[in-house]
Amino acid sequence: MVDLDLPDLLRGTAILSVVGLCLVVAGVAVVAVVAEAYQTWTWYFRMEQAISAGTPIALGFTGLAIVSSFGLVYAAGD
């Protein structure tokens, strides 16, 4: 059994949330690059859909990264 203490758990949460945020932003960026390459209204609409779907996910990952980072700083002081 793996024994995880609070700093290890918070560090892992911070890393995973930053990686998830980067993946969401990269996914939206790929759709935006393709939309600019094709320059059709269909692809521009898909870009808008990707942005509207990715924004709440990115905000969630950002919030999780901030909370876990503050928690990690707090736990490091103990």
PDB file of N, CA and C in Angstrom:
ATOM      1  N   MET A   1       0.843  -1.177   0.000  1.00  0.00           N
ATOM      2  CA  MET A   1       0.000   0.000   0.000  1.00  0.00           C
ATOM      3  C   MET A   1       0.888   1.240   0.000  1.00  0.00           C
ATOM      4  N   VAL A   2       0.500   2.209  -0.784  1.00  0.00           N
ATOM      5  CA  VAL A   2       1.260   3.450  -0.899  1.00  0.00           C
ATOM      6  C   VAL A   2       0.761   4.430   0.152  1.00  0.00           C
ATOM      7  N   ASP A   3       1.691   4.983   0.901  1.00  0.00           N
ATOM      8  CA  ASP A   3       1.337   5.943   1.939  1.00  0.00           C
ATOM      9  C   ASP A   3       1.613   7.349   1.421  1.00  0.00           C
ATOM     10  N   LEU A   4       0.546   8.075   1.088  1.00  0.00           N
ATOM     11  CA  LEU A   4       0.679   9.440   0.580  1.00  0.00           C
ATOM     12  C   LEU A   4       0.350  10.429   1.691  1.00  0.00           C
ATOM     13  N   ASP A   5       1.241  11.361   1.885  1.00  0.00           N
ATOM     14  CA  ASP A   5       0.938  12.417   2.831  1.00  0.00           C
ATOM     15  C   ASP A   5       0.354  13.608   2.070  1.00  0.00           C
ATOM     16  N   LEU A   6      -0.073  14.613   2.778  1.00  0.00           N
ATOM     17  CA  LEU A   6      -0.775  15.750   2.179  1.00  0.00           C
ATOM     18  C   LEU A   6       0.065  16.499   1.139  1.00  0.00           C
ATOM     19  N   PRO A   7       1.341  16.809   1.389  1.00  0.00           N
ATOM     20  CA  PRO A   7       2.112  17.508   0.346  1.00  0.00           C
ATOM     21  C   PRO A   7       2.240  16.718  -0.953  1.00  0.00           C
ATOM     22  N   ASP A   8       2.407  15.396  -0.851  1.00  0.00           N
ATOM     23  CA  ASP A   8       2.489  14.583  -2.068  1.00  0.00           C
ATOM     24  C   ASP A   8       1.176  14.592  -2.835  1.00  0.00           C
ATOM     25  N   LEU A   9       0.080  14.518  -2.127  1.00  0.00           N
ATOM     26  CA  LEU A   9      -1.232  14.546  -2.758  1.00  0.00           C
ATOM     27  C   LEU A   9      -1.493  15.896  -3.427  1.00  0.00           C
ATOM     28  N   LEU A  10      -1.152  16.971  -2.740  1.00  0.00           N
ATOM     29  CA  LEU A  10      -1.350  18.306  -3.312  1.00  0.00           C
ATOM     30  C   LEU A  10      -0.420  18.550  -4.497  1.00  0.00           C
ATOM     31  N   ARG A  11       0.805  18.064  -4.421  1.00  0.00           N
ATOM     32  CA  ARG A  11       1.747  18.216  -5.529  1.00  0.00           C
ATOM     33  C   ARG A  11       1.236  17.486  -6.767  1.00  0.00           C
ATOM     34  N   GLY A  12       0.753  16.275  -6.573  1.00  0.00           N
ATOM     35  CA  GLY A  12       0.203  15.517  -7.693  1.00  0.00           C
ATOM     36  C   GLY A  12      -1.033  16.177  -8.282  1.00  0.00           C
ATOM     37  N   THR A  13      -1.883  16.713  -7.424  1.00  0.00           N
ATOM     38  CA  THR A  13      -3.079  17.404  -7.900  1.00  0.00           C
ATOM     39  C   THR A  13      -2.705  18.655  -8.689  1.00  0.00           C
ATOM     40  N   ALA A  14      -1.726  19.400  -8.209  1.00  0.00           N
ATOM     41  CA  ALA A  14      -1.294  20.607  -8.920  1.00  0.00           C
ATOM     42  C   ALA A  14      -0.705  20.256 -10.285  1.00  0.00           C
ATOM     43  N   ILE A  15       0.111  19.229 -10.333  1.00  0.00           N
ATOM     44  CA  ILE A  15       0.735  18.830 -11.598  1.00  0.00           C
ATOM     45  C   ILE A  15      -0.314  18.341 -12.590  1.00  0.00           C
ATOM     46  N   LEU A  16      -1.233  17.501 -12.131  1.00  0.00           N
ATOM     47  CA  LEU A  16      -2.258  16.977 -13.025  1.00  0.00           C
ATOM     48  C   LEU A  16      -3.192  18.075 -13.530  1.00  0.00           C
ATOM     49  N   SER A  17      -3.502  19.041 -12.687  1.00  0.00           N
ATOM     50  CA  SER A  17      -4.388  20.115 -13.127  1.00  0.00           C
ATOM     51  C   SER A  17      -3.699  21.023 -14.144  1.00  0.00           C
ATOM     52  N   VAL A  18      -2.411  21.271 -13.976  1.00  0.00           N
ATOM     53  CA  VAL A  18      -1.684  22.086 -14.958  1.00  0.00           C
ATOM     54  C   VAL A  18      -1.553  21.334 -16.283  1.00  0.00           C
ATOM     55  N   VAL A  19      -1.281  20.046 -16.226  1.00  0.00           N
ATOM     56  CA  VAL A  19      -1.201  19.245 -17.450  1.00  0.00           C
ATOM     57  C   VAL A  19      -2.563  19.212 -18.146  1.00  0.00           C
ATOM     58  N   GLY A  20      -3.638  19.025 -17.386  1.00  0.00           N
ATOM     59  CA  GLY A  20      -4.976  19.044 -17.968  1.00  0.00           C
ATOM     60  C   GLY A  20      -5.300  20.382 -18.605  1.00  0.00           C
ATOM     61  N   LEU A  21      -4.916  21.468 -17.943  1.00  0.00           N
ATOM     62  CA  LEU A  21      -5.133  22.802 -18.502  1.00  0.00           C
ATOM     63  C   LEU A  21      -4.377  22.971 -19.816  1.00  0.00           C
ATOM     64  N   CYS A  22      -3.135  22.524 -19.863  1.00  0.00           N
ATOM     65  CA  CYS A  22      -2.348  22.624 -21.100  1.00  0.00           C
ATOM     66  C   CYS A  22      -2.968  21.804 -22.224  1.00  0.00           C
ATOM     67  N   LEU A  23      -3.500  20.631 -21.909  1.00  0.00           N
ATOM     68  CA  LEU A  23      -4.129  19.802 -22.930  1.00  0.00           C
ATOM     69  C   LEU A  23      -5.405  20.439 -23.474  1.00  0.00           C
ATOM     70  N   VAL A  24      -6.200  21.045 -22.603  1.00  0.00           N
ATOM     71  CA  VAL A  24      -7.423  21.708 -23.053  1.00  0.00           C
ATOM     72  C   VAL A  24      -7.086  22.892 -23.951  1.00  0.00           C
ATOM     73  N   VAL A  25      -6.125  23.705 -23.533  1.00  0.00           N
ATOM     74  CA  VAL A  25      -5.728  24.861 -24.342  1.00  0.00           C
ATOM     75  C   VAL A  25      -5.138  24.405 -25.671  1.00  0.00           C
ATOM     76  N   ALA A  26      -4.345  23.343 -25.664  1.00  0.00           N
ATOM     77  CA  ALA A  26      -3.770  22.832 -26.909  1.00  0.00           C
ATOM     78  C   ALA A  26      -4.857  22.290 -27.837  1.00  0.00           C
ATOM     79  N   GLY A  27      -5.859  21.630 -27.277  1.00  0.00           N
ATOM     80  CA  GLY A  27      -6.955  21.119 -28.097  1.00  0.00           C
ATOM     81  C   GLY A  27      -7.735  22.232 -28.776  1.00  0.00           C
ATOM     82  N   VAL A  28      -8.034  23.285 -28.037  1.00  0.00           N
ATOM     83  CA  VAL A  28      -8.741  24.430 -28.619  1.00  0.00           C
ATOM     84  C   VAL A  28      -7.852  25.119 -29.656  1.00  0.00           C
ATOM     85  N   ALA A  29      -6.572  25.192 -29.392  1.00  0.00           N
ATOM     86  CA  ALA A  29      -5.650  25.821 -30.340  1.00  0.00           C
ATOM     87  C   ALA A  29      -5.566  25.042 -31.644  1.00  0.00           C
ATOM     88  N   VAL A  30      -5.602  23.729 -31.574  1.00  0.00           N
ATOM     89  CA  VAL A  30      -5.568  22.920 -32.795  1.00  0.00           C
ATOM     90  C   VAL A  30      -6.800  23.203 -33.652  1.00  0.00           C
ATOM     91  N   VAL A  31      -7.961  23.269 -33.018  1.00  0.00           N
ATOM     92  CA  VAL A  31      -9.184  23.573 -33.765  1.00  0.00           C
ATOM     93  C   VAL A  31      -9.100  24.970 -34.368  1.00  0.00           C
ATOM     94  N   ALA A  32      -8.540  25.927 -33.630  1.00  0.00           N
ATOM     95  CA  ALA A  32      -8.419  27.295 -34.141  1.00  0.00           C
ATOM     96  C   ALA A  32      -7.450  27.363 -35.326  1.00  0.00           C
ATOM     97  N   VAL A  33      -6.355  26.616 -35.259  1.00  0.00           N
ATOM     98  CA  VAL A  33      -5.394  26.612 -36.370  1.00  0.00           C
ATOM     99  C   VAL A  33      -6.020  25.989 -37.612  1.00  0.00           C
ATOM    100  N   VAL A  34      -6.753  24.908 -37.437  1.00  0.00           N
ATOM    101  CA  VAL A  34      -7.420  24.279 -38.576  1.00  0.00           C
ATOM    102  C   VAL A  34      -8.472  25.220 -39.156  1.00  0.00           C
ATOM    103  N   ALA A  35      -9.209  25.918 -38.285  1.00  0.00           N
ATOM    104  CA  ALA A  35     -10.216  26.864 -38.761  1.00  0.00           C
ATOM    105  C   ALA A  35      -9.582  27.983 -39.569  1.00  0.00           C
ATOM    106  N   GLU A  36      -8.442  28.458 -39.128  1.00  0.00           N
ATOM    107  CA  GLU A  36      -7.753  29.501 -39.892  1.00  0.00           C
ATOM    108  C   GLU A  36      -7.160  28.961 -41.187  1.00  0.00           C
ATOM    109  N   ALA A  37      -6.820  27.694 -41.208  1.00  0.00           N
ATOM    110  CA  ALA A  37      -6.279  27.099 -42.428  1.00  0.00           C
ATOM    111  C   ALA A  37      -7.367  26.947 -43.503  1.00  0.00           C
ATOM    112  N   TYR A  38      -8.548  26.489 -43.093  1.00  0.00           N
ATOM    113  CA  TYR A  38      -9.637  26.291 -44.049  1.00  0.00           C
ATOM    114  C   TYR A  38     -10.416  27.567 -44.340  1.00  0.00           C
ATOM    115  N   GLN A  39     -10.533  28.438 -43.381  1.00  0.00           N
ATOM    116  CA  GLN A  39     -11.245  29.716 -43.504  1.00  0.00           C
ATOM    117  C   GLN A  39     -12.654  29.550 -44.073  1.00  0.00           C
ATOM    118  N   THR A  40     -13.395  28.623 -43.460  1.00  0.00           N
ATOM    119  CA  THR A  40     -14.802  28.457 -43.823  1.00  0.00           C
ATOM    120  C   THR A  40     -15.642  28.709 -42.576  1.00  0.00           C
ATOM    121  N   TRP A  41     -16.889  29.066 -42.817  1.00  0.00           N
ATOM    122  CA  TRP A  41     -17.772  29.334 -41.686  1.00  0.00           C
ATOM    123  C   TRP A  41     -18.002  28.100 -40.842  1.00  0.00           C
ATOM    124  N   THR A  42     -17.979  26.930 -41.464  1.00  0.00           N
ATOM    125  CA  THR A  42     -18.162  25.684 -40.707  1.00  0.00           C
ATOM    126  C   THR A  42     -17.043  25.511 -39.683  1.00  0.00           C
ATOM    127  N   TRP A  43     -15.805  25.740 -40.114  1.00  0.00           N
ATOM    128  CA  TRP A  43     -14.682  25.581 -39.191  1.00  0.00           C
ATOM    129  C   TRP A  43     -14.643  26.705 -38.151  1.00  0.00           C
ATOM    130  N   TYR A  44     -15.054  27.900 -38.530  1.00  0.00           N
ATOM    131  CA  TYR A  44     -15.132  28.974 -37.539  1.00  0.00           C
ATOM    132  C   TYR A  44     -16.188  28.649 -36.483  1.00  0.00           C
ATOM    133  N   PHE A  45     -17.285  28.040 -36.913  1.00  0.00           N
ATOM    134  CA  PHE A  45     -18.307  27.620 -35.955  1.00  0.00           C
ATOM    135  C   PHE A  45     -17.772  26.530 -35.036  1.00  0.00           C
ATOM    136  N   ARG A  46     -17.015  25.595 -35.599  1.00  0.00           N
ATOM    137  CA  ARG A  46     -16.401  24.546 -34.766  1.00  0.00           C
ATOM    138  C   ARG A  46     -15.405  25.143 -33.775  1.00  0.00           C
ATOM    139  N   MET A  47     -14.702  26.179 -34.210  1.00  0.00           N
ATOM    140  CA  MET A  47     -13.766  26.855 -33.293  1.00  0.00           C
ATOM    141  C   MET A  47     -14.534  27.493 -32.138  1.00  0.00           C
ATOM    142  N   GLU A  48     -15.646  28.143 -32.438  1.00  0.00           N
ATOM    143  CA  GLU A  48     -16.467  28.743 -31.380  1.00  0.00           C
ATOM    144  C   GLU A  48     -17.014  27.682 -30.436  1.00  0.00           C
ATOM    145  N   GLN A  49     -17.410  26.544 -30.982  1.00  0.00           N
ATOM    146  CA  GLN A  49     -17.890  25.455 -30.133  1.00  0.00           C
ATOM    147  C   GLN A  49     -16.776  24.913 -29.244  1.00  0.00           C
ATOM    148  N   ALA A  50     -15.579  24.794 -29.794  1.00  0.00           N
ATOM    149  CA  ALA A  50     -14.448  24.302 -29.001  1.00  0.00           C
ATOM    150  C   ALA A  50     -14.109  25.285 -27.882  1.00  0.00           C
ATOM    151  N   ILE A  51     -14.162  26.571 -28.186  1.00  0.00           N
ATOM    152  CA  ILE A  51     -13.880  27.578 -27.160  1.00  0.00           C
ATOM    153  C   ILE A  51     -14.942  27.548 -26.069  1.00  0.00           C
ATOM    154  N   SER A  52     -16.214  27.456 -26.472  1.00  0.00           N
ATOM    155  CA  SER A  52     -17.276  27.468 -25.465  1.00  0.00           C
ATOM    156  C   SER A  52     -17.285  26.183 -24.640  1.00  0.00           C
ATOM    157  N   ALA A  53     -16.864  25.077 -25.210  1.00  0.00           N
ATOM    158  CA  ALA A  53     -16.782  23.831 -24.441  1.00  0.00           C
ATOM    159  C   ALA A  53     -15.529  23.787 -23.573  1.00  0.00           C
ATOM    160  N   GLY A  54     -14.447  24.370 -24.051  1.00  0.00           N
ATOM    161  CA  GLY A  54     -13.181  24.296 -23.321  1.00  0.00           C
ATOM    162  C   GLY A  54     -13.039  25.293 -22.193  1.00  0.00           C
ATOM    163  N   THR A  55     -13.779  26.404 -22.272  1.00  0.00           N
ATOM    164  CA  THR A  55     -13.631  27.445 -21.255  1.00  0.00           C
ATOM    165  C   THR A  55     -14.002  26.973 -19.844  1.00  0.00           C
ATOM    166  N   PRO A  56     -15.152  26.338 -19.630  1.00  0.00           N
ATOM    167  CA  PRO A  56     -15.446  25.880 -18.260  1.00  0.00           C
ATOM    168  C   PRO A  56     -14.470  24.827 -17.757  1.00  0.00           C
ATOM    169  N   ILE A  57     -14.018  23.980 -18.656  1.00  0.00           N
ATOM    170  CA  ILE A  57     -13.045  22.951 -18.259  1.00  0.00           C
ATOM    171  C   ILE A  57     -11.726  23.606 -17.867  1.00  0.00           C
ATOM    172  N   ALA A  58     -11.290  24.580 -18.669  1.00  0.00           N
ATOM    173  CA  ALA A  58     -10.043  25.287 -18.364  1.00  0.00           C
ATOM    174  C   ALA A  58     -10.158  26.059 -17.051  1.00  0.00           C
ATOM    175  N   LEU A  59     -11.306  26.675 -16.806  1.00  0.00           N
ATOM    176  CA  LEU A  59     -11.504  27.387 -15.540  1.00  0.00           C
ATOM    177  C   LEU A  59     -11.466  26.429 -14.354  1.00  0.00           C
ATOM    178  N   GLY A  60     -12.043  25.246 -14.520  1.00  0.00           N
ATOM    179  CA  GLY A  60     -11.988  24.243 -13.452  1.00  0.00           C
ATOM    180  C   GLY A  60     -10.564  23.801 -13.159  1.00  0.00           C
ATOM    181  N   PHE A  61      -9.799  23.522 -14.207  1.00  0.00           N
ATOM    182  CA  PHE A  61      -8.399  23.141 -14.018  1.00  0.00           C
ATOM    183  C   PHE A  61      -7.585  24.278 -13.396  1.00  0.00           C
ATOM    184  N   THR A  62      -7.876  25.510 -13.810  1.00  0.00           N
ATOM    185  CA  THR A  62      -7.161  26.652 -13.243  1.00  0.00           C
ATOM    186  C   THR A  62      -7.465  26.811 -11.763  1.00  0.00           C
ATOM    187  N   GLY A  63      -8.727  26.702 -11.408  1.00  0.00           N
ATOM    188  CA  GLY A  63      -9.107  26.789  -9.996  1.00  0.00           C
ATOM    189  C   GLY A  63      -8.484  25.683  -9.162  1.00  0.00           C
ATOM    190  N   LEU A  64      -8.484  24.472  -9.706  1.00  0.00           N
ATOM    191  CA  LEU A  64      -7.873  23.348  -8.993  1.00  0.00           C
ATOM    192  C   LEU A  64      -6.374  23.554  -8.822  1.00  0.00           C
ATOM    193  N   ALA A  65      -5.721  24.081  -9.850  1.00  0.00           N
ATOM    194  CA  ALA A  65      -4.279  24.340  -9.758  1.00  0.00           C
ATOM    195  C   ALA A  65      -3.989  25.398  -8.701  1.00  0.00           C
ATOM    196  N   ILE A  66      -4.794  26.451  -8.647  1.00  0.00           N
ATOM    197  CA  ILE A  66      -4.574  27.520  -7.670  1.00  0.00           C
ATOM    198  C   ILE A  66      -4.795  27.003  -6.251  1.00  0.00           C
ATOM    199  N   VAL A  67      -5.901  26.292  -6.043  1.00  0.00           N
ATOM    200  CA  VAL A  67      -6.206  25.784  -4.695  1.00  0.00           C
ATOM    201  C   VAL A  67      -5.144  24.787  -4.239  1.00  0.00           C
ATOM    202  N   SER A  68      -4.763  23.872  -5.122  1.00  0.00           N
ATOM    203  CA  SER A  68      -3.763  22.885  -4.704  1.00  0.00           C
ATOM    204  C   SER A  68      -2.387  23.522  -4.517  1.00  0.00           C
ATOM    205  N   SER A  69      -2.073  24.554  -5.278  1.00  0.00           N
ATOM    206  CA  SER A  69      -0.790  25.243  -5.085  1.00  0.00           C
ATOM    207  C   SER A  69      -0.755  25.984  -3.752  1.00  0.00           C
ATOM    208  N   PHE A  70      -1.853  26.677  -3.429  1.00  0.00           N
ATOM    209  CA  PHE A  70      -1.912  27.331  -2.122  1.00  0.00           C
ATOM    210  C   PHE A  70      -1.862  26.306  -0.987  1.00  0.00           C
ATOM    211  N   GLY A  71      -2.551  25.187  -1.178  1.00  0.00           N
ATOM    212  CA  GLY A  71      -2.499  24.134  -0.172  1.00  0.00           C
ATOM    213  C   GLY A  71      -1.108  23.559  -0.024  1.00  0.00           C
ATOM    214  N   LEU A  72      -0.394  23.435  -1.115  1.00  0.00           N
ATOM    215  CA  LEU A  72       0.967  22.903  -1.078  1.00  0.00           C
ATOM    216  C   LEU A  72       1.893  23.867  -0.339  1.00  0.00           C
ATOM    217  N   VAL A  73       1.726  25.151  -0.591  1.00  0.00           N
ATOM    218  CA  VAL A  73       2.542  26.151   0.125  1.00  0.00           C
ATOM    219  C   VAL A  73       2.212  26.119   1.607  1.00  0.00           C
ATOM    220  N   TYR A  74       0.929  25.993   1.932  1.00  0.00           N
ATOM    221  CA  TYR A  74       0.529  25.923   3.348  1.00  0.00           C
ATOM    222  C   TYR A  74       1.083  24.661   4.010  1.00  0.00           C
ATOM    223  N   ALA A  75       1.001  23.526   3.316  1.00  0.00           N
ATOM    224  CA  ALA A  75       1.476  22.261   3.893  1.00  0.00           C
ATOM    225  C   ALA A  75       2.996  22.229   4.003  1.00  0.00           C
ATOM    226  N   ALA A  76       3.695  22.972   3.148  1.00  0.00           N
ATOM    227  CA  ALA A  76       5.153  22.989   3.211  1.00  0.00           C
ATOM    228  C   ALA A  76       5.650  23.724   4.443  1.00  0.00           C
ATOM    229  N   GLY A  77       4.811  24.604   4.977  1.00  0.00           N
ATOM    230  CA  GLY A  77       5.211  25.350   6.178  1.00  0.00           C
ATOM    231  C   GLY A  77       5.171  24.507   7.435  1.00  0.00           C
ATOM    232  N   ASP A  78       4.502  23.362   7.401  1.00  0.00           N
ATOM    233  CA  ASP A  78       4.404  22.517   8.607  1.00  0.00           C
ATOM    234  C   ASP A  78       5.655  21.718   8.827  1.00  0.00           C
TER     235      ASP A  78
END
